[in-house]
Each structure stands twice: as C-alpha cells, then as structure tokens.
N, C-alpha and C. Protein backbone atom coordinates (compact mmCIF):
# COMPACT_ATOMS: atom_id res chain seq x y z
N MET A 1 14.08 -24.46 128.75
CA MET A 1 12.90 -25.32 128.52
C MET A 1 13.22 -26.75 129.05
N PRO A 2 12.39 -27.21 130.03
CA PRO A 2 12.62 -28.51 130.81
C PRO A 2 12.85 -29.57 129.81
N SER A 3 13.68 -30.49 130.25
CA SER A 3 14.05 -31.72 129.39
C SER A 3 12.64 -32.54 129.20
N PHE A 4 11.83 -32.54 130.19
CA PHE A 4 10.52 -33.34 130.11
C PHE A 4 9.71 -32.82 128.96
N PHE A 5 9.69 -31.48 128.90
CA PHE A 5 8.88 -30.88 127.79
C PHE A 5 9.59 -31.24 126.42
N CYS A 6 10.76 -31.11 126.33
CA CYS A 6 11.58 -31.47 125.01
C CYS A 6 11.34 -32.97 124.70
N SER A 7 11.42 -33.89 125.55
CA SER A 7 11.30 -35.26 125.24
C SER A 7 9.84 -35.65 125.00
N SER A 8 8.90 -34.94 125.59
CA SER A 8 7.46 -35.15 125.33
C SER A 8 7.06 -34.65 124.14
N PHE A 9 7.58 -33.49 123.67
CA PHE A 9 7.25 -32.89 122.42
C PHE A 9 7.88 -33.63 121.22
N LEU A 10 9.10 -34.15 121.33
CA LEU A 10 9.77 -34.89 120.40
C LEU A 10 8.97 -36.37 120.17
N TRP A 11 8.51 -36.91 121.25
CA TRP A 11 7.75 -38.06 121.26
C TRP A 11 6.49 -37.97 120.49
N TYR A 12 5.87 -36.83 120.79
CA TYR A 12 4.63 -36.52 120.18
C TYR A 12 4.75 -36.25 118.64
N VAL A 13 5.71 -35.47 118.39
CA VAL A 13 6.04 -35.15 116.92
C VAL A 13 6.39 -36.45 116.15
N GLU A 14 7.11 -37.25 116.76
CA GLU A 14 7.55 -38.56 116.18
C GLU A 14 6.32 -39.48 115.97
N LYS A 15 5.51 -39.59 116.88
CA LYS A 15 4.26 -40.41 116.79
C LYS A 15 3.28 -39.89 115.78
N LEU A 16 3.14 -38.53 115.82
CA LEU A 16 2.20 -37.92 114.74
C LEU A 16 2.75 -38.04 113.39
N ALA A 17 4.02 -37.90 113.12
CA ALA A 17 4.61 -38.00 111.80
C ALA A 17 4.47 -39.44 111.41
N LYS A 18 4.71 -40.43 112.20
CA LYS A 18 4.59 -41.70 111.84
C LYS A 18 3.13 -42.09 111.44
N PHE A 19 2.20 -41.59 112.26
CA PHE A 19 0.74 -41.90 111.94
C PHE A 19 0.26 -41.33 110.76
N LEU A 20 0.69 -40.13 110.37
CA LEU A 20 0.33 -39.38 109.18
C LEU A 20 1.23 -39.72 108.08
N ASN A 21 2.24 -40.40 108.29
CA ASN A 21 3.22 -40.78 107.18
C ASN A 21 3.95 -39.49 106.58
N TYR A 22 4.37 -38.46 107.55
CA TYR A 22 5.00 -37.28 107.06
C TYR A 22 6.31 -37.36 107.83
N SER A 23 7.22 -36.46 107.40
CA SER A 23 8.52 -36.49 108.05
C SER A 23 8.48 -35.82 109.43
N ILE A 24 9.29 -36.30 110.25
CA ILE A 24 9.35 -35.72 111.61
C ILE A 24 9.79 -34.07 111.73
N PRO A 25 10.70 -33.70 110.83
CA PRO A 25 10.99 -32.29 110.76
C PRO A 25 9.91 -31.37 110.35
N VAL A 26 8.98 -31.92 109.34
CA VAL A 26 7.97 -31.11 108.83
C VAL A 26 6.84 -31.04 109.90
N ILE A 27 6.47 -32.08 110.66
CA ILE A 27 5.49 -32.08 111.63
C ILE A 27 6.00 -31.21 112.73
N GLY A 28 7.25 -31.28 113.17
CA GLY A 28 7.81 -30.29 114.11
C GLY A 28 7.71 -28.84 113.71
N ARG A 29 7.90 -28.54 112.42
CA ARG A 29 7.82 -27.21 112.01
C ARG A 29 6.42 -26.68 112.07
N TYR A 30 5.44 -27.67 111.75
CA TYR A 30 3.96 -27.21 111.81
C TYR A 30 3.65 -26.99 113.35
N GLU A 31 4.14 -27.75 114.28
CA GLU A 31 3.79 -27.64 115.66
C GLU A 31 4.50 -26.35 116.21
N LEU A 32 5.51 -25.98 115.77
CA LEU A 32 6.28 -24.81 116.24
C LEU A 32 6.00 -23.58 115.51
N GLU A 33 4.84 -23.69 114.62
CA GLU A 33 4.43 -22.67 113.78
C GLU A 33 5.43 -21.99 112.91
N GLU A 34 6.44 -22.72 112.44
CA GLU A 34 7.50 -22.33 111.63
C GLU A 34 7.05 -22.43 110.18
N MET A 35 6.03 -23.22 109.96
CA MET A 35 5.56 -23.66 108.70
C MET A 35 4.08 -23.93 108.72
N THR A 36 3.34 -23.56 107.73
CA THR A 36 1.90 -23.82 107.74
C THR A 36 1.65 -24.82 106.46
N PRO A 37 0.86 -25.93 106.93
CA PRO A 37 0.49 -26.92 105.87
C PRO A 37 -0.25 -26.29 104.76
N ASN A 38 -0.13 -26.90 103.53
CA ASN A 38 -1.10 -26.46 102.62
C ASN A 38 -2.40 -27.12 102.84
N ILE A 39 -3.54 -26.84 102.14
CA ILE A 39 -4.95 -27.19 102.50
C ILE A 39 -4.97 -28.79 102.39
N GLU A 40 -4.47 -29.38 101.41
CA GLU A 40 -4.54 -30.85 101.41
C GLU A 40 -3.88 -31.51 102.58
N VAL A 41 -2.75 -31.05 102.98
CA VAL A 41 -2.06 -31.64 104.17
C VAL A 41 -2.96 -31.27 105.50
N ALA A 42 -3.47 -30.02 105.54
CA ALA A 42 -4.35 -29.70 106.68
C ALA A 42 -5.54 -30.62 106.69
N LYS A 43 -6.17 -30.81 105.51
CA LYS A 43 -7.33 -31.78 105.52
C LYS A 43 -7.02 -33.21 106.01
N ASN A 44 -5.81 -33.71 105.64
CA ASN A 44 -5.33 -35.04 105.97
C ASN A 44 -5.06 -35.07 107.50
N ILE A 45 -4.38 -34.07 108.05
CA ILE A 45 -4.15 -34.10 109.50
C ILE A 45 -5.40 -33.92 110.20
N SER A 46 -6.25 -32.99 109.83
CA SER A 46 -7.59 -32.88 110.51
C SER A 46 -8.42 -34.16 110.55
N ASN A 47 -8.52 -34.86 109.41
CA ASN A 47 -9.21 -36.08 109.25
C ASN A 47 -8.68 -37.25 110.23
N HIS A 48 -7.33 -37.17 110.26
CA HIS A 48 -6.75 -38.27 111.19
C HIS A 48 -6.90 -37.91 112.63
N LEU A 49 -6.89 -36.65 113.02
CA LEU A 49 -7.16 -36.24 114.35
C LEU A 49 -8.61 -35.97 114.77
N ASN A 50 -9.45 -36.12 113.78
CA ASN A 50 -10.91 -35.86 113.98
C ASN A 50 -11.22 -34.61 114.43
N ILE A 51 -10.69 -33.54 113.76
CA ILE A 51 -10.95 -32.26 114.18
C ILE A 51 -11.23 -31.45 112.85
N LYS A 52 -11.87 -30.35 112.95
CA LYS A 52 -12.14 -29.50 111.71
C LYS A 52 -10.77 -28.75 111.30
N VAL A 53 -10.60 -28.53 110.10
CA VAL A 53 -9.54 -27.83 109.59
C VAL A 53 -9.39 -26.46 110.21
N GLY A 54 -10.52 -25.79 110.39
CA GLY A 54 -10.43 -24.50 110.93
C GLY A 54 -9.83 -24.49 112.32
N TYR A 55 -10.05 -25.49 113.12
CA TYR A 55 -9.55 -25.58 114.49
C TYR A 55 -8.09 -25.79 114.33
N LEU A 56 -7.72 -26.71 113.51
CA LEU A 56 -6.19 -26.99 113.27
C LEU A 56 -5.53 -25.64 112.90
N LEU A 57 -5.99 -24.95 111.99
CA LEU A 57 -5.22 -23.75 111.47
C LEU A 57 -5.40 -22.57 112.46
N GLU A 58 -6.55 -22.43 113.06
CA GLU A 58 -6.84 -21.19 113.83
C GLU A 58 -7.00 -21.53 115.37
N GLY A 59 -7.23 -22.74 115.74
CA GLY A 59 -7.30 -22.99 117.13
C GLY A 59 -8.59 -22.73 117.71
N ASN A 60 -9.72 -22.58 116.95
CA ASN A 60 -10.95 -22.24 117.37
C ASN A 60 -11.62 -23.34 118.08
N ARG A 61 -11.65 -23.23 119.47
CA ARG A 61 -12.20 -24.31 120.31
C ARG A 61 -13.64 -24.59 120.11
N GLN A 62 -14.32 -23.72 119.65
CA GLN A 62 -15.79 -23.99 119.60
C GLN A 62 -16.11 -24.81 118.37
N SER A 63 -15.21 -24.90 117.37
CA SER A 63 -15.44 -25.65 116.20
C SER A 63 -14.40 -26.86 116.06
N ARG A 64 -14.11 -27.46 117.29
CA ARG A 64 -12.94 -28.37 117.39
C ARG A 64 -13.29 -29.71 116.64
N PHE A 65 -14.50 -30.33 116.96
CA PHE A 65 -14.71 -31.57 116.39
C PHE A 65 -15.54 -31.56 115.14
N VAL A 66 -15.43 -32.59 114.28
CA VAL A 66 -16.08 -32.73 113.00
C VAL A 66 -17.55 -32.83 113.33
C-alpha cells in the first residue's frame, strides 16, 4: 500500500473522529469494515456527513443525500 494512501487515510480518519467526537481506532475500524456502527452512531455519522443512513451502511449511490 503506498505511503500516500496510508497518510491520507489516517488524516481522514483523524479528522472524522475529531469532528464526530469518536475515537480514531473506532472510526478506522468502521472505514475498514472491521466493525459496524450501531444505529444511533450511524445516524450521528450520517447527519454530520449529510447523507442517508442507508448510503452510509450500504453504499447505495442513488440515495446518497438527505
């Protein structure tokens, strides 16, 4: 894996974790699909990112925005 990808990914995870007030390891595990957020966490993340929960959990591009 290129170091640019690693540093960009870590930067993104760190910023998202800080923005959402969650721990960096938890956000990283969500991003790597090692862990799935419960519905309340998913709602919080989707609200902050202005996307539907379904898109967040399933990646359905047609229902991306609220």
